[in-house]
Amino acid sequence: EQCERHAEMSETMVSPPVTRMHTPDVNGIMNPFAHQVIIKSIRLMGLFSELTGRTEVGGGGAAGMEEENALYKQVSQVFNNLGRDKRLFKLLRIPNATVKEE
């Protein structure tokens, strides 16, 4: 019963797909922990972009690779739909050199 409730909650958390996202004003972000979260988020977006273009076959063979690539492309497309590039450029206004370097 608990598993069924969790499955139902998981489905509602995933659907509907995210199509809009609010980005707060980043000019005043001075907290070093917030900077680390932002840096990790930038790296995560970059990872999916990099994996989307990957061509070598992993341990799962060609069929497994196609499935993985489909997932990477789907996640990357969600980032694109949410305005990834616009949001990344907005992060350049954060007054922190480490965030800007990412």
PDB file of N, CA and C in Angstrom:
ATOM      1  N   GLU A   1       0.831  -1.201   0.000  1.00  0.00           N
ATOM      2  CA  GLU A   1       0.000   0.000   0.000  1.00  0.00           C
ATOM      3  C   GLU A   1       0.877   1.268   0.000  1.00  0.00           C
ATOM      4  N   GLN A   2       1.925   1.241   0.811  1.00  0.00           N
ATOM      5  CA  GLN A   2       2.833   2.390   0.856  1.00  0.00           C
ATOM      6  C   GLN A   2       3.533   2.574  -0.483  1.00  0.00           C
ATOM      7  N   CYS A   3       3.897   1.484  -1.134  1.00  0.00           N
ATOM      8  CA  CYS A   3       4.539   1.561  -2.447  1.00  0.00           C
ATOM      9  C   CYS A   3       3.597   2.167  -3.483  1.00  0.00           C
ATOM     10  N   GLU A   4       2.323   1.780  -3.417  1.00  0.00           N
ATOM     11  CA  GLU A   4       1.345   2.318  -4.355  1.00  0.00           C
ATOM     12  C   GLU A   4       1.179   3.823  -4.162  1.00  0.00           C
ATOM     13  N   ARG A   5       1.119   4.256  -2.896  1.00  0.00           N
ATOM     14  CA  ARG A   5       1.001   5.705  -2.623  1.00  0.00           C
ATOM     15  C   ARG A   5       2.227   6.451  -3.133  1.00  0.00           C
ATOM     16  N   HIS A   6       3.399   5.856  -2.929  1.00  0.00           N
ATOM     17  CA  HIS A   6       4.631   6.494  -3.406  1.00  0.00           C
ATOM     18  C   HIS A   6       4.629   6.587  -4.931  1.00  0.00           C
ATOM     19  N   ALA A   7       4.188   5.527  -5.602  1.00  0.00           N
ATOM     20  CA  ALA A   7       4.129   5.537  -7.069  1.00  0.00           C
ATOM     21  C   ALA A   7       3.173   6.615  -7.560  1.00  0.00           C
ATOM     22  N   GLU A   8       2.022   6.753  -6.903  1.00  0.00           N
ATOM     23  CA  GLU A   8       1.064   7.793  -7.284  1.00  0.00           C
ATOM     24  C   GLU A   8       1.657   9.179  -7.084  1.00  0.00           C
ATOM     25  N   MET A   9       2.327   9.377  -5.947  1.00  0.00           N
ATOM     26  CA  MET A   9       2.947  10.681  -5.681  1.00  0.00           C
ATOM     27  C   MET A   9       4.028  10.963  -6.697  1.00  0.00           C
ATOM     28  N   SER A  10       4.820   9.957  -7.064  1.00  0.00           N
ATOM     29  CA  SER A  10       5.896  10.147  -8.029  1.00  0.00           C
ATOM     30  C   SER A  10       5.341  10.564  -9.383  1.00  0.00           C
ATOM     31  N   GLU A  11       4.234   9.942  -9.789  1.00  0.00           N
ATOM     32  CA  GLU A  11       3.627  10.289 -11.072  1.00  0.00           C
ATOM     33  C   GLU A  11       3.139  11.724 -11.084  1.00  0.00           C
ATOM     34  N   THR A  12       2.545  12.174  -9.982  1.00  0.00           N
ATOM     35  CA  THR A  12       2.046  13.552  -9.949  1.00  0.00           C
ATOM     36  C   THR A  12       3.195  14.541  -9.873  1.00  0.00           C
ATOM     37  N   MET A  13       4.327  14.121  -9.324  1.00  0.00           N
ATOM     38  CA  MET A  13       5.480  15.013  -9.247  1.00  0.00           C
ATOM     39  C   MET A  13       6.125  15.183 -10.620  1.00  0.00           C
ATOM     40  N   VAL A  14       6.058  14.171 -11.464  1.00  0.00           N
ATOM     41  CA  VAL A  14       6.690  14.220 -12.779  1.00  0.00           C
ATOM     42  C   VAL A  14       5.784  14.889 -13.798  1.00  0.00           C
ATOM     43  N   SER A  15       4.486  14.674 -13.724  1.00  0.00           N
ATOM     44  CA  SER A  15       3.549  15.218 -14.704  1.00  0.00           C
ATOM     45  C   SER A  15       2.824  16.416 -14.119  1.00  0.00           C
ATOM     46  N   PRO A  16       2.490  17.384 -14.866  1.00  0.00           N
ATOM     47  CA  PRO A  16       2.818  17.596 -16.263  1.00  0.00           C
ATOM     48  C   PRO A  16       4.258  18.078 -16.401  1.00  0.00           C
ATOM     49  N   PRO A  17       4.800  18.036 -17.611  1.00  0.00           N
ATOM     50  CA  PRO A  17       6.186  18.469 -17.796  1.00  0.00           C
ATOM     51  C   PRO A  17       6.351  19.957 -17.471  1.00  0.00           C
ATOM     52  N   VAL A  18       7.508  20.283 -16.977  1.00  0.00           N
ATOM     53  CA  VAL A  18       7.804  21.669 -16.624  1.00  0.00           C
ATOM     54  C   VAL A  18       8.005  22.472 -17.903  1.00  0.00           C
ATOM     55  N   THR A  19       7.280  23.573 -18.017  1.00  0.00           N
ATOM     56  CA  THR A  19       7.423  24.411 -19.210  1.00  0.00           C
ATOM     57  C   THR A  19       7.807  25.836 -18.857  1.00  0.00           C
ATOM     58  N   ARG A  20       7.683  26.213 -17.590  1.00  0.00           N
ATOM     59  CA  ARG A  20       8.057  27.558 -17.163  1.00  0.00           C
ATOM     60  C   ARG A  20       8.757  27.464 -15.827  1.00  0.00           C
ATOM     61  N   MET A  21       9.638  28.395 -15.593  1.00  0.00           N
ATOM     62  CA  MET A  21      10.341  28.409 -14.324  1.00  0.00           C
ATOM     63  C   MET A  21      10.682  29.852 -13.994  1.00  0.00           C
ATOM     64  N   HIS A  22      10.498  30.232 -12.744  1.00  0.00           N
ATOM     65  CA  HIS A  22      10.816  31.589 -12.315  1.00  0.00           C
ATOM     66  C   HIS A  22      12.280  31.644 -11.888  1.00  0.00           C
ATOM     67  N   THR A  23      12.985  32.641 -12.361  1.00  0.00           N
ATOM     68  CA  THR A  23      14.364  32.857 -11.951  1.00  0.00           C
ATOM     69  C   THR A  23      14.415  34.120 -11.109  1.00  0.00           C
ATOM     70  N   PRO A  24      14.813  33.996  -9.866  1.00  0.00           N
ATOM     71  CA  PRO A  24      14.881  35.187  -9.019  1.00  0.00           C
ATOM     72  C   PRO A  24      16.004  36.119  -9.455  1.00  0.00           C
ATOM     73  N   ASP A  25      15.965  37.341  -8.967  1.00  0.00           N
ATOM     74  CA  ASP A  25      17.034  38.290  -9.246  1.00  0.00           C
ATOM     75  C   ASP A  25      18.316  37.776  -8.600  1.00  0.00           C
ATOM     76  N   VAL A  26      19.361  37.654  -9.375  1.00  0.00           N
ATOM     77  CA  VAL A  26      20.593  37.038  -8.876  1.00  0.00           C
ATOM     78  C   VAL A  26      21.655  38.050  -8.447  1.00  0.00           C
ATOM     79  N   ASN A  27      21.387  39.327  -8.664  1.00  0.00           N
ATOM     80  CA  ASN A  27      22.399  40.343  -8.367  1.00  0.00           C
ATOM     81  C   ASN A  27      22.852  40.346  -6.916  1.00  0.00           C
ATOM     82  N   GLY A  28      21.961  40.011  -6.010  1.00  0.00           N
ATOM     83  CA  GLY A  28      22.304  40.110  -4.590  1.00  0.00           C
ATOM     84  C   GLY A  28      22.690  38.800  -3.944  1.00  0.00           C
ATOM     85  N   ILE A  29      22.917  37.761  -4.722  1.00  0.00           N
ATOM     86  CA  ILE A  29      23.275  36.474  -4.116  1.00  0.00           C
ATOM     87  C   ILE A  29      24.727  36.522  -3.657  1.00  0.00           C
ATOM     88  N   MET A  30      24.898  36.561  -2.351  1.00  0.00           N
ATOM     89  CA  MET A  30      26.237  36.662  -1.768  1.00  0.00           C
ATOM     90  C   MET A  30      26.606  35.434  -0.935  1.00  0.00           C
ATOM     91  N   ASN A  31      25.648  34.563  -0.670  1.00  0.00           N
ATOM     92  CA  ASN A  31      25.859  33.415   0.196  1.00  0.00           C
ATOM     93  C   ASN A  31      26.731  32.375  -0.512  1.00  0.00           C
ATOM     94  N   PRO A  32      27.848  31.993   0.095  1.00  0.00           N
ATOM     95  CA  PRO A  32      28.752  31.023  -0.545  1.00  0.00           C
ATOM     96  C   PRO A  32      28.104  29.654  -0.758  1.00  0.00           C
ATOM     97  N   PHE A  33      27.171  29.261   0.106  1.00  0.00           N
ATOM     98  CA  PHE A  33      26.474  27.989  -0.095  1.00  0.00           C
ATOM     99  C   PHE A  33      25.578  28.068  -1.322  1.00  0.00           C
ATOM    100  N   ALA A  34      24.917  29.198  -1.517  1.00  0.00           N
ATOM    101  CA  ALA A  34      24.088  29.397  -2.709  1.00  0.00           C
ATOM    102  C   ALA A  34      24.967  29.367  -3.954  1.00  0.00           C
ATOM    103  N   HIS A  35      26.165  29.928  -3.860  1.00  0.00           N
ATOM    104  CA  HIS A  35      27.097  29.898  -4.997  1.00  0.00           C
ATOM    105  C   HIS A  35      27.449  28.461  -5.358  1.00  0.00           C
ATOM    106  N   GLN A  36      27.661  27.621  -4.355  1.00  0.00           N
ATOM    107  CA  GLN A  36      27.995  26.216  -4.621  1.00  0.00           C
ATOM    108  C   GLN A  36      26.829  25.479  -5.275  1.00  0.00           C
ATOM    109  N   VAL A  37      25.604  25.766  -4.837  1.00  0.00           N
ATOM    110  CA  VAL A  37      24.427  25.147  -5.454  1.00  0.00           C
ATOM    111  C   VAL A  37      24.325  25.575  -6.914  1.00  0.00           C
ATOM    112  N   ILE A  38      24.565  26.836  -7.180  1.00  0.00           N
ATOM    113  CA  ILE A  38      24.497  27.359  -8.550  1.00  0.00           C
ATOM    114  C   ILE A  38      25.573  26.705  -9.419  1.00  0.00           C
ATOM    115  N   ILE A  39      26.779  26.584  -8.891  1.00  0.00           N
ATOM    116  CA  ILE A  39      27.876  25.956  -9.631  1.00  0.00           C
ATOM    117  C   ILE A  39      27.539  24.501  -9.950  1.00  0.00           C
ATOM    118  N   LYS A  40      27.008  23.771  -8.982  1.00  0.00           N
ATOM    119  CA  LYS A  40      26.635  22.368  -9.218  1.00  0.00           C
ATOM    120  C   LYS A  40      25.523  22.278 -10.252  1.00  0.00           C
ATOM    121  N   SER A  41      24.584  23.207 -10.234  1.00  0.00           N
ATOM    122  CA  SER A  41      23.493  23.216 -11.215  1.00  0.00           C
ATOM    123  C   SER A  41      24.024  23.468 -12.613  1.00  0.00           C
ATOM    124  N   ILE A  42      24.970  24.391 -12.731  1.00  0.00           N
ATOM    125  CA  ILE A  42      25.589  24.685 -14.026  1.00  0.00           C
ATOM    126  C   ILE A  42      26.299  23.433 -14.554  1.00  0.00           C
ATOM    127  N   ARG A  43      27.023  22.759 -13.682  1.00  0.00           N
ATOM    128  CA  ARG A  43      27.734  21.544 -14.091  1.00  0.00           C
ATOM    129  C   ARG A  43      26.760  20.445 -14.516  1.00  0.00           C
ATOM    130  N   LEU A  44      25.637  20.332 -13.814  1.00  0.00           N
ATOM    131  CA  LEU A  44      24.631  19.327 -14.172  1.00  0.00           C
ATOM    132  C   LEU A  44      24.061  19.607 -15.557  1.00  0.00           C
ATOM    133  N   MET A  45      23.744  20.864 -15.839  1.00  0.00           N
ATOM    134  CA  MET A  45      23.239  21.212 -17.165  1.00  0.00           C
ATOM    135  C   MET A  45      24.286  20.911 -18.232  1.00  0.00           C
ATOM    136  N   GLY A  46      25.538  21.228 -17.942  1.00  0.00           N
ATOM    137  CA  GLY A  46      26.625  20.955 -18.879  1.00  0.00           C
ATOM    138  C   GLY A  46      26.817  19.468 -19.107  1.00  0.00           C
ATOM    139  N   LEU A  47      26.649  18.675 -18.061  1.00  0.00           N
ATOM    140  CA  LEU A  47      26.796  17.226 -18.186  1.00  0.00           C
ATOM    141  C   LEU A  47      25.767  16.666 -19.166  1.00  0.00           C
ATOM    142  N   PHE A  48      24.506  17.091 -19.032  1.00  0.00           N
ATOM    143  CA  PHE A  48      23.485  16.579 -19.940  1.00  0.00           C
ATOM    144  C   PHE A  48      23.724  17.059 -21.366  1.00  0.00           C
ATOM    145  N   SER A  49      24.231  18.265 -21.521  1.00  0.00           N
ATOM    146  CA  SER A  49      24.564  18.747 -22.871  1.00  0.00           C
ATOM    147  C   SER A  49      25.672  17.894 -23.476  1.00  0.00           C
ATOM    148  N   GLU A  50      26.672  17.588 -22.663  1.00  0.00           N
ATOM    149  CA  GLU A  50      27.803  16.780 -23.131  1.00  0.00           C
ATOM    150  C   GLU A  50      27.365  15.350 -23.444  1.00  0.00           C
ATOM    151  N   LEU A  51      26.559  14.765 -22.585  1.00  0.00           N
ATOM    152  CA  LEU A  51      26.114  13.393 -22.791  1.00  0.00           C
ATOM    153  C   LEU A  51      25.191  13.264 -23.992  1.00  0.00           C
ATOM    154  N   THR A  52      24.458  14.308 -24.306  1.00  0.00           N
ATOM    155  CA  THR A  52      23.561  14.280 -25.457  1.00  0.00           C
ATOM    156  C   THR A  52      24.350  14.081 -26.744  1.00  0.00           C
ATOM    157  N   GLY A  53      25.546  14.626 -26.827  1.00  0.00           N
ATOM    158  CA  GLY A  53      26.361  14.510 -28.029  1.00  0.00           C
ATOM    159  C   GLY A  53      27.285  13.316 -28.041  1.00  0.00           C
ATOM    160  N   ARG A  54      27.222  12.493 -27.016  1.00  0.00           N
ATOM    161  CA  ARG A  54      28.113  11.334 -26.888  1.00  0.00           C
ATOM    162  C   ARG A  54      27.807  10.287 -27.946  1.00  0.00           C
ATOM    163  N   THR A  55      28.837   9.671 -28.506  1.00  0.00           N
ATOM    164  CA  THR A  55      28.625   8.679 -29.565  1.00  0.00           C
ATOM    165  C   THR A  55      29.200   7.303 -29.234  1.00  0.00           C
ATOM    166  N   GLU A  56      30.109   7.171 -28.274  1.00  0.00           N
ATOM    167  CA  GLU A  56      30.702   5.859 -28.011  1.00  0.00           C
ATOM    168  C   GLU A  56      29.695   4.957 -27.300  1.00  0.00           C
ATOM    169  N   VAL A  57      29.817   3.674 -27.517  1.00  0.00           N
ATOM    170  CA  VAL A  57      28.905   2.697 -26.935  1.00  0.00           C
ATOM    171  C   VAL A  57      29.412   2.317 -25.555  1.00  0.00           C
ATOM    172  N   GLY A  58      28.513   2.365 -24.570  1.00  0.00           N
ATOM    173  CA  GLY A  58      28.857   2.002 -23.202  1.00  0.00           C
ATOM    174  C   GLY A  58      28.701   0.509 -22.971  1.00  0.00           C
ATOM    175  N   GLY A  59      28.658   0.123 -21.711  1.00  0.00           N
ATOM    176  CA  GLY A  59      28.571  -1.287 -21.354  1.00  0.00           C
ATOM    177  C   GLY A  59      27.268  -1.945 -21.746  1.00  0.00           C
ATOM    178  N   GLY A  60      26.201  -1.194 -22.008  1.00  0.00           N
ATOM    179  CA  GLY A  60      24.911  -1.776 -22.332  1.00  0.00           C
ATOM    180  C   GLY A  60      24.737  -2.095 -23.799  1.00  0.00           C
ATOM    181  N   GLY A  61      25.742  -1.909 -24.624  1.00  0.00           N
ATOM    182  CA  GLY A  61      25.633  -2.163 -26.051  1.00  0.00           C
ATOM    183  C   GLY A  61      24.912  -1.044 -26.765  1.00  0.00           C
ATOM    184  N   ALA A  62      24.722  -1.222 -28.065  1.00  0.00           N
ATOM    185  CA  ALA A  62      24.120  -0.176 -28.899  1.00  0.00           C
ATOM    186  C   ALA A  62      22.694   0.145 -28.481  1.00  0.00           C
ATOM    187  N   ALA A  63      21.901  -0.868 -28.132  1.00  0.00           N
ATOM    188  CA  ALA A  63      20.505  -0.637 -27.734  1.00  0.00           C
ATOM    189  C   ALA A  63      20.452   0.165 -26.436  1.00  0.00           C
ATOM    190  N   GLY A  64      21.302  -0.187 -25.494  1.00  0.00           N
ATOM    191  CA  GLY A  64      21.355   0.549 -24.228  1.00  0.00           C
ATOM    192  C   GLY A  64      21.804   1.983 -24.442  1.00  0.00           C
ATOM    193  N   MET A  65      22.726   2.169 -25.373  1.00  0.00           N
ATOM    194  CA  MET A  65      23.229   3.505 -25.683  1.00  0.00           C
ATOM    195  C   MET A  65      22.133   4.371 -26.282  1.00  0.00           C
ATOM    196  N   GLU A  66      21.319   3.805 -27.162  1.00  0.00           N
ATOM    197  CA  GLU A  66      20.218   4.563 -27.763  1.00  0.00           C
ATOM    198  C   GLU A  66      19.225   5.005 -26.704  1.00  0.00           C
ATOM    199  N   GLU A  67      18.943   4.111 -25.755  1.00  0.00           N
ATOM    200  CA  GLU A  67      18.012   4.438 -24.672  1.00  0.00           C
ATOM    201  C   GLU A  67      18.579   5.554 -23.801  1.00  0.00           C
ATOM    202  N   GLU A  68      19.866   5.446 -23.464  1.00  0.00           N
ATOM    203  CA  GLU A  68      20.515   6.486 -22.668  1.00  0.00           C
ATOM    204  C   GLU A  68      20.503   7.817 -23.411  1.00  0.00           C
ATOM    205  N   ASN A  69      20.862   7.794 -24.700  1.00  0.00           N
ATOM    206  CA  ASN A  69      20.876   9.035 -25.482  1.00  0.00           C
ATOM    207  C   ASN A  69      19.503   9.683 -25.544  1.00  0.00           C
ATOM    208  N   ALA A  70      18.452   8.849 -25.640  1.00  0.00           N
ATOM    209  CA  ALA A  70      17.092   9.394 -25.671  1.00  0.00           C
ATOM    210  C   ALA A  70      16.794  10.126 -24.366  1.00  0.00           C
ATOM    211  N   LEU A  71      17.234   9.559 -23.253  1.00  0.00           N
ATOM    212  CA  LEU A  71      17.030  10.204 -21.955  1.00  0.00           C
ATOM    213  C   LEU A  71      17.805  11.514 -21.880  1.00  0.00           C
ATOM    214  N   TYR A  72      19.073  11.488 -22.300  1.00  0.00           N
ATOM    215  CA  TYR A  72      19.895  12.694 -22.255  1.00  0.00           C
ATOM    216  C   TYR A  72      19.298  13.793 -23.125  1.00  0.00           C
ATOM    217  N   LYS A  73      18.828  13.409 -24.308  1.00  0.00           N
ATOM    218  CA  LYS A  73      18.215  14.388 -25.209  1.00  0.00           C
ATOM    219  C   LYS A  73      16.942  14.965 -24.611  1.00  0.00           C
ATOM    220  N   GLN A  74      16.174  14.115 -23.946  1.00  0.00           N
ATOM    221  CA  GLN A  74      14.930  14.580 -23.330  1.00  0.00           C
ATOM    222  C   GLN A  74      15.222  15.586 -22.223  1.00  0.00           C
ATOM    223  N   VAL A  75      16.177  15.267 -21.365  1.00  0.00           N
ATOM    224  CA  VAL A  75      16.528  16.190 -20.278  1.00  0.00           C
ATOM    225  C   VAL A  75      17.108  17.479 -20.842  1.00  0.00           C
ATOM    226  N   SER A  76      17.970  17.369 -21.828  1.00  0.00           N
ATOM    227  CA  SER A  76      18.566  18.551 -22.444  1.00  0.00           C
ATOM    228  C   SER A  76      17.483  19.424 -23.094  1.00  0.00           C
ATOM    229  N   GLN A  77      16.499  18.793 -23.709  1.00  0.00           N
ATOM    230  CA  GLN A  77      15.403  19.542 -24.334  1.00  0.00           C
ATOM    231  C   GLN A  77      14.582  20.289 -23.289  1.00  0.00           C
ATOM    232  N   VAL A  78      14.370  19.671 -22.129  1.00  0.00           N
ATOM    233  CA  VAL A  78      13.662  20.355 -21.044  1.00  0.00           C
ATOM    234  C   VAL A  78      14.446  21.598 -20.631  1.00  0.00           C
ATOM    235  N   PHE A  79      15.772  21.449 -20.488  1.00  0.00           N
ATOM    236  CA  PHE A  79      16.597  22.616 -20.155  1.00  0.00           C
ATOM    237  C   PHE A  79      16.473  23.690 -21.233  1.00  0.00           C
ATOM    238  N   ASN A  80      16.482  23.286 -22.487  1.00  0.00           N
ATOM    239  CA  ASN A  80      16.322  24.244 -23.587  1.00  0.00           C
ATOM    240  C   ASN A  80      14.977  24.947 -23.506  1.00  0.00           C
ATOM    241  N   ASN A  81      13.907  24.170 -23.262  1.00  0.00           N
ATOM    242  CA  ASN A  81      12.566  24.741 -23.184  1.00  0.00           C
ATOM    243  C   ASN A  81      12.435  25.731 -22.035  1.00  0.00           C
ATOM    244  N   LEU A  82      13.220  25.528 -20.987  1.00  0.00           N
ATOM    245  CA  LEU A  82      13.182  26.427 -19.830  1.00  0.00           C
ATOM    246  C   LEU A  82      14.106  27.627 -20.012  1.00  0.00           C
ATOM    247  N   GLY A  83      14.746  27.732 -21.159  1.00  0.00           N
ATOM    248  CA  GLY A  83      15.604  28.886 -21.437  1.00  0.00           C
ATOM    249  C   GLY A  83      16.974  28.782 -20.807  1.00  0.00           C
ATOM    250  N   ARG A  84      17.596  27.623 -20.959  1.00  0.00           N
ATOM    251  CA  ARG A  84      18.903  27.372 -20.353  1.00  0.00           C
ATOM    252  C   ARG A  84      19.911  28.486 -20.635  1.00  0.00           C
ATOM    253  N   ASP A  85      20.095  28.844 -21.895  1.00  0.00           N
ATOM    254  CA  ASP A  85      21.126  29.826 -22.246  1.00  0.00           C
ATOM    255  C   ASP A  85      20.844  31.185 -21.615  1.00  0.00           C
ATOM    256  N   LYS A  86      19.611  31.613 -21.678  1.00  0.00           N
ATOM    257  CA  LYS A  86      19.227  32.898 -21.089  1.00  0.00           C
ATOM    258  C   LYS A  86      19.499  32.909 -19.589  1.00  0.00           C
ATOM    259  N   ARG A  87      19.154  31.812 -18.933  1.00  0.00           N
ATOM    260  CA  ARG A  87      19.367  31.726 -17.485  1.00  0.00           C
ATOM    261  C   ARG A  87      20.856  31.661 -17.140  1.00  0.00           C
ATOM    262  N   LEU A  88      21.647  30.954 -17.942  1.00  0.00           N
ATOM    263  CA  LEU A  88      23.084  30.898 -17.683  1.00  0.00           C
ATOM    264  C   LEU A  88      23.727  32.269 -17.832  1.00  0.00           C
ATOM    265  N   PHE A  89      23.314  33.016 -18.865  1.00  0.00           N
ATOM    266  CA  PHE A  89      23.862  34.361 -19.028  1.00  0.00           C
ATOM    267  C   PHE A  89      23.455  35.258 -17.862  1.00  0.00           C
ATOM    268  N   LYS A  90      22.270  35.043 -17.342  1.00  0.00           N
ATOM    269  CA  LYS A  90      21.806  35.826 -16.197  1.00  0.00           C
ATOM    270  C   LYS A  90      22.689  35.578 -14.970  1.00  0.00           C
ATOM    271  N   LEU A  91      23.209  34.356 -14.860  1.00  0.00           N
ATOM    272  CA  LEU A  91      24.061  34.020 -13.721  1.00  0.00           C
ATOM    273  C   LEU A  91      25.392  34.775 -13.741  1.00  0.00           C
ATOM    274  N   LEU A  92      25.774  35.302 -14.888  1.00  0.00           N
ATOM    275  CA  LEU A  92      27.017  36.085 -14.960  1.00  0.00           C
ATOM    276  C   LEU A  92      26.941  37.359 -14.123  1.00  0.00           C
ATOM    277  N   ARG A  93      25.732  37.759 -13.746  1.00  0.00           N
ATOM    278  CA  ARG A  93      25.570  38.962 -12.915  1.00  0.00           C
ATOM    279  C   ARG A  93      25.800  38.693 -11.435  1.00  0.00           C
ATOM    280  N   ILE A  94      25.969  37.423 -11.056  1.00  0.00           N
ATOM    281  CA  ILE A  94      26.221  37.109  -9.649  1.00  0.00           C
ATOM    282  C   ILE A  94      27.608  37.631  -9.288  1.00  0.00           C
ATOM    283  N   PRO A  95      27.692  38.370  -8.194  1.00  0.00           N
ATOM    284  CA  PRO A  95      28.984  38.963  -7.812  1.00  0.00           C
ATOM    285  C   PRO A  95      29.938  37.950  -7.186  1.00  0.00           C
ATOM    286  N   ASN A  96      30.307  36.914  -7.956  1.00  0.00           N
ATOM    287  CA  ASN A  96      31.224  35.906  -7.467  1.00  0.00           C
ATOM    288  C   ASN A  96      32.026  35.370  -8.656  1.00  0.00           C
ATOM    289  N   ALA A  97      33.341  35.454  -8.555  1.00  0.00           N
ATOM    290  CA  ALA A  97      34.211  35.054  -9.659  1.00  0.00           C
ATOM    291  C   ALA A  97      34.114  33.554  -9.968  1.00  0.00           C
ATOM    292  N   THR A  98      33.967  32.718  -8.950  1.00  0.00           N
ATOM    293  CA  THR A  98      33.897  31.275  -9.169  1.00  0.00           C
ATOM    294  C   THR A  98      32.660  30.909  -9.975  1.00  0.00           C
ATOM    295  N   VAL A  99      31.519  31.525  -9.672  1.00  0.00           N
ATOM    296  CA  VAL A  99      30.290  31.257 -10.417  1.00  0.00           C
ATOM    297  C   VAL A  99      30.463  31.718 -11.855  1.00  0.00           C
ATOM    298  N   LYS A 100      31.053  32.879 -12.051  1.00  0.00           N
ATOM    299  CA  LYS A 100      31.247  33.419 -13.402  1.00  0.00           C
ATOM    300  C   LYS A 100      32.169  32.545 -14.241  1.00  0.00           C
ATOM    301  N   GLU A 101      33.148  31.899 -13.605  1.00  0.00           N
ATOM    302  CA  GLU A 101      34.086  31.039 -14.333  1.00  0.00           C
ATOM    303  C   GLU A 101      33.435  29.764 -14.838  1.00  0.00           C
ATOM    304  N   GLU A 102      32.403  29.294 -14.134  1.00  0.00           N
ATOM    305  CA  GLU A 102      31.733  28.056 -14.533  1.00  0.00           C
ATOM    306  C   GLU A 102      31.056  28.263 -15.850  1.00  0.00           C
TER     307      GLU A 102
END
